[in-house]
């Protein structure tokens, strides 16, 4: 569906060149906003995120060779027939309709990583902001399985995001020193969310990761 022009005068009252100029100006100043979408909870301000980043222990990653995704039981049942993935799709989507099995049959999902909007749940992945393998190598290797399950299904913080599937796949298990969202305007929020997850769970950061996060906070 075409988005209406962000101004009201009738076309007959202005020249075509003026209309084009006004459209370009509106886009440049951000007058055409991204579609409204839900945001995971408890994303700190840039100032709070910077303070929490400074509190994180800087250490090299370890135990990477022993990582196994099955060590983080995920998409656990939340209530009834609904698991964590389905809860995030309902939380972050617009006009989401589900069937008796809690599967989303229709709705709209805006992916903040790349700015795309999808109308099929199959085009949407649920991304772990701090990937499971990154968490493992940053300290989760020492956790109990129960704590890892809580982490992998955390709906109370900014750990789970509904995003374009192939963008999530391109991210893989990389940290911000290796991968950042293609939508540059989202990198401030991304850094704030990443830092919150690491801080809340007491995970470490490596030096390159911390440097990248500091630079990303500089865009806020």
C-alpha atoms as a PDB file:
ATOM      1  CA  UNK A   1       0.000   0.000   0.000  1.00  0.00           C
ATOM      2  CA  UNK A   2       1.336   3.413  -0.871  1.00  0.00           C
ATOM      3  CA  UNK A   3       2.003   5.722   2.065  1.00  0.00           C
ATOM      4  CA  UNK A   4       0.191   9.093   1.747  1.00  0.00           C
ATOM      5  CA  UNK A   5       2.304  12.170   1.099  1.00  0.00           C
ATOM      6  CA  UNK A   6       3.346  13.899   4.348  1.00  0.00           C
ATOM      7  CA  UNK A   7       1.704  17.223   3.420  1.00  0.00           C
ATOM      8  CA  UNK A   8      -1.769  18.433   2.586  1.00  0.00           C
ATOM      9  CA  UNK A   9      -1.927  21.003  -0.283  1.00  0.00           C
ATOM     10  CA  UNK A  10      -3.816  20.047  -3.416  1.00  0.00           C
ATOM     11  CA  UNK A  11      -1.540  19.203  -6.330  1.00  0.00           C
ATOM     12  CA  UNK A  12      -3.124  21.939  -8.377  1.00  0.00           C
ATOM     13  CA  UNK A  13      -1.888  24.573  -5.943  1.00  0.00           C
ATOM     14  CA  UNK A  14       1.799  23.786  -6.356  1.00  0.00           C
ATOM     15  CA  UNK A  15       4.113  22.810  -9.170  1.00  0.00           C
ATOM     16  CA  UNK A  16       5.273  19.240  -9.697  1.00  0.00           C
ATOM     17  CA  UNK A  17       8.855  20.289  -8.977  1.00  0.00           C
ATOM     18  CA  UNK A  18       7.729  21.761  -5.658  1.00  0.00           C
ATOM     19  CA  UNK A  19       5.936  18.531  -4.770  1.00  0.00           C
ATOM     20  CA  UNK A  20       9.037  16.478  -5.558  1.00  0.00           C
ATOM     21  CA  UNK A  21      11.194  18.826  -3.501  1.00  0.00           C
ATOM     22  CA  UNK A  22       8.826  18.574  -0.537  1.00  0.00           C
ATOM     23  CA  UNK A  23       8.828  14.768  -0.697  1.00  0.00           C
ATOM     24  CA  UNK A  24      12.624  14.625  -0.789  1.00  0.00           C
ATOM     25  CA  UNK A  25      12.859  17.053   2.132  1.00  0.00           C
ATOM     26  CA  UNK A  26      10.346  15.031   4.157  1.00  0.00           C
ATOM     27  CA  UNK A  27      12.348  11.843   3.659  1.00  0.00           C
ATOM     28  CA  UNK A  28      15.652  13.518   4.489  1.00  0.00           C
ATOM     29  CA  UNK A  29      14.400  14.989   7.754  1.00  0.00           C
ATOM     30  CA  UNK A  30      12.664  11.770   8.748  1.00  0.00           C
ATOM     31  CA  UNK A  31       9.098  13.032   8.383  1.00  0.00           C
ATOM     32  CA  UNK A  32       8.133   9.692   6.856  1.00  0.00           C
ATOM     33  CA  UNK A  33       8.496   7.406   9.890  1.00  0.00           C
ATOM     34  CA  UNK A  34       9.081   3.689   9.967  1.00  0.00           C
ATOM     35  CA  UNK A  35       5.926   1.652  10.568  1.00  0.00           C
ATOM     36  CA  UNK A  36       4.874   1.425  14.174  1.00  0.00           C
ATOM     37  CA  UNK A  37       6.001  -1.755  15.872  1.00  0.00           C
ATOM     38  CA  UNK A  38       6.296  -3.152  19.344  1.00  0.00           C
ATOM     39  CA  UNK A  39       9.664  -3.059  21.082  1.00  0.00           C
ATOM     40  CA  UNK A  40      10.993  -5.653  23.530  1.00  0.00           C
ATOM     41  CA  UNK A  41      10.954  -4.373  27.113  1.00  0.00           C
ATOM     42  CA  UNK A  42      13.646  -2.906  29.349  1.00  0.00           C
ATOM     43  CA  UNK A  43      15.950  -1.275  26.802  1.00  0.00           C
ATOM     44  CA  UNK A  44      18.032   1.231  28.792  1.00  0.00           C
ATOM     45  CA  UNK A  45      18.776   4.805  27.786  1.00  0.00           C
ATOM     46  CA  UNK A  46      22.065   5.480  26.021  1.00  0.00           C
ATOM     47  CA  UNK A  47      23.516   6.956  29.217  1.00  0.00           C
ATOM     48  CA  UNK A  48      22.497   3.953  31.304  1.00  0.00           C
ATOM     49  CA  UNK A  49      23.786   1.583  28.639  1.00  0.00           C
ATOM     50  CA  UNK A  50      27.148   3.373  28.615  1.00  0.00           C
ATOM     51  CA  UNK A  51      27.340   3.070  32.398  1.00  0.00           C
ATOM     52  CA  UNK A  52      26.507  -0.627  32.259  1.00  0.00           C
ATOM     53  CA  UNK A  53      29.008  -1.241  29.463  1.00  0.00           C
ATOM     54  CA  UNK A  54      31.701   0.238  31.696  1.00  0.00           C
ATOM     55  CA  UNK A  55      30.726  -2.263  34.407  1.00  0.00           C
ATOM     56  CA  UNK A  56      31.117  -5.330  32.200  1.00  0.00           C
ATOM     57  CA  UNK A  57      34.194  -7.505  32.626  1.00  0.00           C
ATOM     58  CA  UNK A  58      36.434  -7.448  29.567  1.00  0.00           C
ATOM     59  CA  UNK A  59      37.733 -10.931  28.824  1.00  0.00           C
ATOM     60  CA  UNK A  60      38.540 -13.150  25.878  1.00  0.00           C
ATOM     61  CA  UNK A  61      35.837 -15.630  24.926  1.00  0.00           C
ATOM     62  CA  UNK A  62      36.355 -19.229  26.020  1.00  0.00           C
ATOM     63  CA  UNK A  63      34.866 -22.736  25.824  1.00  0.00           C
ATOM     64  CA  UNK A  64      33.667 -22.083  22.290  1.00  0.00           C
ATOM     65  CA  UNK A  65      34.570 -25.583  21.155  1.00  0.00           C
ATOM     66  CA  UNK A  66      32.152 -27.130  23.626  1.00  0.00           C
ATOM     67  CA  UNK A  67      29.102 -25.110  22.535  1.00  0.00           C
ATOM     68  CA  UNK A  68      25.985 -26.999  21.490  1.00  0.00           C
ATOM     69  CA  UNK A  69      22.695 -25.233  20.703  1.00  0.00           C
ATOM     70  CA  UNK A  70      20.824 -28.001  22.515  1.00  0.00           C
ATOM     71  CA  UNK A  71      22.416 -26.787  25.747  1.00  0.00           C
ATOM     72  CA  UNK A  72      19.955 -23.853  25.555  1.00  0.00           C
ATOM     73  CA  UNK A  73      16.451 -25.393  25.468  1.00  0.00           C
ATOM     74  CA  UNK A  74      14.391 -22.833  23.574  1.00  0.00           C
ATOM     75  CA  UNK A  75      10.925 -22.099  22.297  1.00  0.00           C
ATOM     76  CA  UNK A  76       9.592 -23.477  25.546  1.00  0.00           C
ATOM     77  CA  UNK A  77       5.866 -23.481  26.254  1.00  0.00           C
ATOM     78  CA  UNK A  78       4.717 -20.193  27.763  1.00  0.00           C
ATOM     79  CA  UNK A  79       1.023 -20.912  28.241  1.00  0.00           C
ATOM     80  CA  UNK A  80      -1.460 -23.298  26.687  1.00  0.00           C
ATOM     81  CA  UNK A  81      -0.320 -24.130  23.161  1.00  0.00           C
ATOM     82  CA  UNK A  82       1.865 -21.019  22.846  1.00  0.00           C
ATOM     83  CA  UNK A  83       5.642 -21.262  22.904  1.00  0.00           C
ATOM     84  CA  UNK A  84       8.157 -18.443  23.145  1.00  0.00           C
ATOM     85  CA  UNK A  85       8.477 -17.897  19.392  1.00  0.00           C
ATOM     86  CA  UNK A  86       4.726 -17.551  19.045  1.00  0.00           C
ATOM     87  CA  UNK A  87       4.559 -15.172  21.991  1.00  0.00           C
ATOM     88  CA  UNK A  88       7.163 -12.892  20.390  1.00  0.00           C
ATOM     89  CA  UNK A  89       5.295 -12.941  17.072  1.00  0.00           C
ATOM     90  CA  UNK A  90       2.130 -11.852  18.904  1.00  0.00           C
ATOM     91  CA  UNK A  91       3.978  -9.264  20.993  1.00  0.00           C
ATOM     92  CA  UNK A  92       5.876  -7.594  18.184  1.00  0.00           C
ATOM     93  CA  UNK A  93       3.407  -7.939  15.322  1.00  0.00           C
ATOM     94  CA  UNK A  94       0.437  -5.851  14.273  1.00  0.00           C
ATOM     95  CA  UNK A  95      -3.074  -7.317  13.925  1.00  0.00           C
ATOM     96  CA  UNK A  96      -1.750 -10.825  14.533  1.00  0.00           C
ATOM     97  CA  UNK A  97      -4.305 -13.628  14.246  1.00  0.00           C
ATOM     98  CA  UNK A  98      -3.486 -17.099  15.574  1.00  0.00           C
ATOM     99  CA  UNK A  99      -5.100 -20.480  15.148  1.00  0.00           C
ATOM    100  CA  UNK A 100      -6.003 -23.034  17.827  1.00  0.00           C
ATOM    101  CA  UNK A 101      -2.367 -24.159  17.949  1.00  0.00           C
ATOM    102  CA  UNK A 102      -1.215 -20.558  18.581  1.00  0.00           C
ATOM    103  CA  UNK A 103       0.456 -20.372  15.149  1.00  0.00           C
ATOM    104  CA  UNK A 104       0.228 -16.927  13.538  1.00  0.00           C
ATOM    105  CA  UNK A 105      -1.991 -17.175  10.456  1.00  0.00           C
ATOM    106  CA  UNK A 106      -1.941 -13.485   9.543  1.00  0.00           C
ATOM    107  CA  UNK A 107      -0.501 -10.187  10.694  1.00  0.00           C
ATOM    108  CA  UNK A 108       2.268  -7.732   9.916  1.00  0.00           C
ATOM    109  CA  UNK A 109       5.816  -7.648  11.266  1.00  0.00           C
ATOM    110  CA  UNK A 110       8.269  -4.760  10.951  1.00  0.00           C
ATOM    111  CA  UNK A 111      11.907  -5.840  11.164  1.00  0.00           C
ATOM    112  CA  UNK A 112      13.929  -3.057  12.830  1.00  0.00           C
ATOM    113  CA  UNK A 113      17.240  -4.556  11.691  1.00  0.00           C
ATOM    114  CA  UNK A 114      16.597  -3.775   8.017  1.00  0.00           C
ATOM    115  CA  UNK A 115      13.339  -1.825   7.867  1.00  0.00           C
ATOM    116  CA  UNK A 116      11.382  -4.511   5.995  1.00  0.00           C
ATOM    117  CA  UNK A 117       7.750  -5.372   6.715  1.00  0.00           C
ATOM    118  CA  UNK A 118       6.414  -8.908   6.325  1.00  0.00           C
ATOM    119  CA  UNK A 119       2.905 -10.321   6.219  1.00  0.00           C
ATOM    120  CA  UNK A 120       3.858 -13.995   6.607  1.00  0.00           C
ATOM    121  CA  UNK A 121       5.230 -15.337   9.882  1.00  0.00           C
ATOM    122  CA  UNK A 122       7.390 -17.746   7.875  1.00  0.00           C
ATOM    123  CA  UNK A 123       9.454 -14.752   6.698  1.00  0.00           C
ATOM    124  CA  UNK A 124      10.233 -13.789  10.304  1.00  0.00           C
ATOM    125  CA  UNK A 125      12.876 -15.252  12.601  1.00  0.00           C
ATOM    126  CA  UNK A 126      13.078 -14.683  16.342  1.00  0.00           C
ATOM    127  CA  UNK A 127      16.616 -13.454  16.911  1.00  0.00           C
ATOM    128  CA  UNK A 128      18.482 -13.810  20.179  1.00  0.00           C
ATOM    129  CA  UNK A 129      20.016 -10.339  20.511  1.00  0.00           C
ATOM    130  CA  UNK A 130      23.099 -11.865  22.128  1.00  0.00           C
ATOM    131  CA  UNK A 131      23.339 -15.182  20.244  1.00  0.00           C
ATOM    132  CA  UNK A 132      23.341 -18.385  22.237  1.00  0.00           C
ATOM    133  CA  UNK A 133      26.878 -19.316  21.216  1.00  0.00           C
ATOM    134  CA  UNK A 134      28.086 -15.810  22.078  1.00  0.00           C
ATOM    135  CA  UNK A 135      26.478 -16.114  25.491  1.00  0.00           C
ATOM    136  CA  UNK A 136      28.075 -19.521  25.965  1.00  0.00           C
ATOM    137  CA  UNK A 137      31.565 -18.214  25.203  1.00  0.00           C
ATOM    138  CA  UNK A 138      30.959 -15.153  27.397  1.00  0.00           C
ATOM    139  CA  UNK A 139      30.155 -17.104  30.532  1.00  0.00           C
ATOM    140  CA  UNK A 140      26.999 -19.174  30.017  1.00  0.00           C
ATOM    141  CA  UNK A 141      29.163 -22.300  29.740  1.00  0.00           C
ATOM    142  CA  UNK A 142      29.193 -22.300  33.549  1.00  0.00           C
ATOM    143  CA  UNK A 143      25.410 -21.961  33.965  1.00  0.00           C
ATOM    144  CA  UNK A 144      22.897 -24.636  34.802  1.00  0.00           C
ATOM    145  CA  UNK A 145      20.663 -25.886  32.004  1.00  0.00           C
ATOM    146  CA  UNK A 146      17.702 -24.238  33.728  1.00  0.00           C
ATOM    147  CA  UNK A 147      19.389 -20.832  33.616  1.00  0.00           C
ATOM    148  CA  UNK A 148      20.294 -21.312  29.954  1.00  0.00           C
ATOM    149  CA  UNK A 149      16.674 -22.176  29.206  1.00  0.00           C
ATOM    150  CA  UNK A 150      15.519 -19.003  30.966  1.00  0.00           C
ATOM    151  CA  UNK A 151      17.998 -17.005  28.925  1.00  0.00           C
ATOM    152  CA  UNK A 152      16.958 -18.524  25.597  1.00  0.00           C
ATOM    153  CA  UNK A 153      13.272 -17.807  26.287  1.00  0.00           C
ATOM    154  CA  UNK A 154      13.568 -14.432  28.030  1.00  0.00           C
ATOM    155  CA  UNK A 155      10.492 -12.294  27.344  1.00  0.00           C
ATOM    156  CA  UNK A 156      11.275  -9.849  30.146  1.00  0.00           C
ATOM    157  CA  UNK A 157      14.218  -8.107  28.528  1.00  0.00           C
ATOM    158  CA  UNK A 158      15.457  -7.082  25.068  1.00  0.00           C
ATOM    159  CA  UNK A 159      16.823 -10.502  24.144  1.00  0.00           C
ATOM    160  CA  UNK A 160      14.221 -11.695  21.613  1.00  0.00           C
ATOM    161  CA  UNK A 161      13.429  -9.779  18.401  1.00  0.00           C
ATOM    162  CA  UNK A 162      11.163 -10.542  15.443  1.00  0.00           C
ATOM    163  CA  UNK A 163      13.268  -9.803  12.352  1.00  0.00           C
ATOM    164  CA  UNK A 164      13.683 -10.681   8.680  1.00  0.00           C
ATOM    165  CA  UNK A 165      14.784 -14.308   8.478  1.00  0.00           C
ATOM    166  CA  UNK A 166      17.726 -13.910   6.105  1.00  0.00           C
ATOM    167  CA  UNK A 167      19.027 -10.882   8.021  1.00  0.00           C
ATOM    168  CA  UNK A 168      19.025 -12.961  11.178  1.00  0.00           C
ATOM    169  CA  UNK A 169      20.840 -15.717   9.304  1.00  0.00           C
ATOM    170  CA  UNK A 170      23.470 -13.265   8.054  1.00  0.00           C
ATOM    171  CA  UNK A 171      24.073 -12.195  11.662  1.00  0.00           C
ATOM    172  CA  UNK A 172      24.529 -15.769  12.833  1.00  0.00           C
ATOM    173  CA  UNK A 173      26.510 -15.872  16.066  1.00  0.00           C
ATOM    174  CA  UNK A 174      28.521 -12.696  15.421  1.00  0.00           C
ATOM    175  CA  UNK A 175      28.984  -9.903  17.957  1.00  0.00           C
ATOM    176  CA  UNK A 176      28.857  -6.151  17.118  1.00  0.00           C
ATOM    177  CA  UNK A 177      32.547  -6.080  16.190  1.00  0.00           C
ATOM    178  CA  UNK A 178      31.697  -8.512  13.375  1.00  0.00           C
ATOM    179  CA  UNK A 179      28.110  -7.642  12.432  1.00  0.00           C
ATOM    180  CA  UNK A 180      25.766  -4.683  12.879  1.00  0.00           C
ATOM    181  CA  UNK A 181      22.218  -4.132  11.591  1.00  0.00           C
ATOM    182  CA  UNK A 182      22.145  -2.900   7.976  1.00  0.00           C
ATOM    183  CA  UNK A 183      19.682  -0.183   9.055  1.00  0.00           C
ATOM    184  CA  UNK A 184      22.144   2.314  10.511  1.00  0.00           C
ATOM    185  CA  UNK A 185      19.489   4.279  12.413  1.00  0.00           C
ATOM    186  CA  UNK A 186      18.804   1.212  14.548  1.00  0.00           C
ATOM    187  CA  UNK A 187      22.383   0.668  15.699  1.00  0.00           C
ATOM    188  CA  UNK A 188      21.968   2.844  18.787  1.00  0.00           C
ATOM    189  CA  UNK A 189      19.020   0.730  19.984  1.00  0.00           C
ATOM    190  CA  UNK A 190      20.835  -2.459  19.032  1.00  0.00           C
ATOM    191  CA  UNK A 191      23.842  -1.523  21.182  1.00  0.00           C
ATOM    192  CA  UNK A 192      21.642  -0.529  24.117  1.00  0.00           C
ATOM    193  CA  UNK A 193      19.775  -3.842  23.950  1.00  0.00           C
ATOM    194  CA  UNK A 194      22.968  -5.905  23.547  1.00  0.00           C
ATOM    195  CA  UNK A 195      24.584  -4.216  26.545  1.00  0.00           C
ATOM    196  CA  UNK A 196      21.472  -4.702  28.688  1.00  0.00           C
ATOM    197  CA  UNK A 197      21.414  -8.445  28.006  1.00  0.00           C
ATOM    198  CA  UNK A 198      25.117  -8.865  28.796  1.00  0.00           C
ATOM    199  CA  UNK A 199      24.835  -6.736  31.922  1.00  0.00           C
ATOM    200  CA  UNK A 200      21.677  -8.403  33.238  1.00  0.00           C
ATOM    201  CA  UNK A 201      23.151 -11.886  32.842  1.00  0.00           C
ATOM    202  CA  UNK A 202      26.656 -11.000  34.015  1.00  0.00           C
ATOM    203  CA  UNK A 203      28.300 -11.963  30.727  1.00  0.00           C
ATOM    204  CA  UNK A 204      31.696 -10.706  29.627  1.00  0.00           C
ATOM    205  CA  UNK A 205      32.661  -8.659  26.574  1.00  0.00           C
ATOM    206  CA  UNK A 206      35.868  -8.899  24.581  1.00  0.00           C
ATOM    207  CA  UNK A 207      37.861  -5.775  23.756  1.00  0.00           C
ATOM    208  CA  UNK A 208      36.806  -5.534  20.088  1.00  0.00           C
ATOM    209  CA  UNK A 209      33.167  -6.008  21.048  1.00  0.00           C
ATOM    210  CA  UNK A 210      33.366  -3.265  23.686  1.00  0.00           C
ATOM    211  CA  UNK A 211      34.971  -0.877  21.211  1.00  0.00           C
ATOM    212  CA  UNK A 212      32.244  -1.526  18.646  1.00  0.00           C
ATOM    213  CA  UNK A 213      29.503  -1.014  21.219  1.00  0.00           C
ATOM    214  CA  UNK A 214      31.061   2.269  22.322  1.00  0.00           C
ATOM    215  CA  UNK A 215      31.074   3.474  18.718  1.00  0.00           C
ATOM    216  CA  UNK A 216      27.447   2.409  18.251  1.00  0.00           C
ATOM    217  CA  UNK A 217      26.386   4.308  21.368  1.00  0.00           C
ATOM    218  CA  UNK A 218      28.024   7.328  19.800  1.00  0.00           C
ATOM    219  CA  UNK A 219      25.276   7.307  17.156  1.00  0.00           C
ATOM    220  CA  UNK A 220      22.507   7.738  19.742  1.00  0.00           C
END
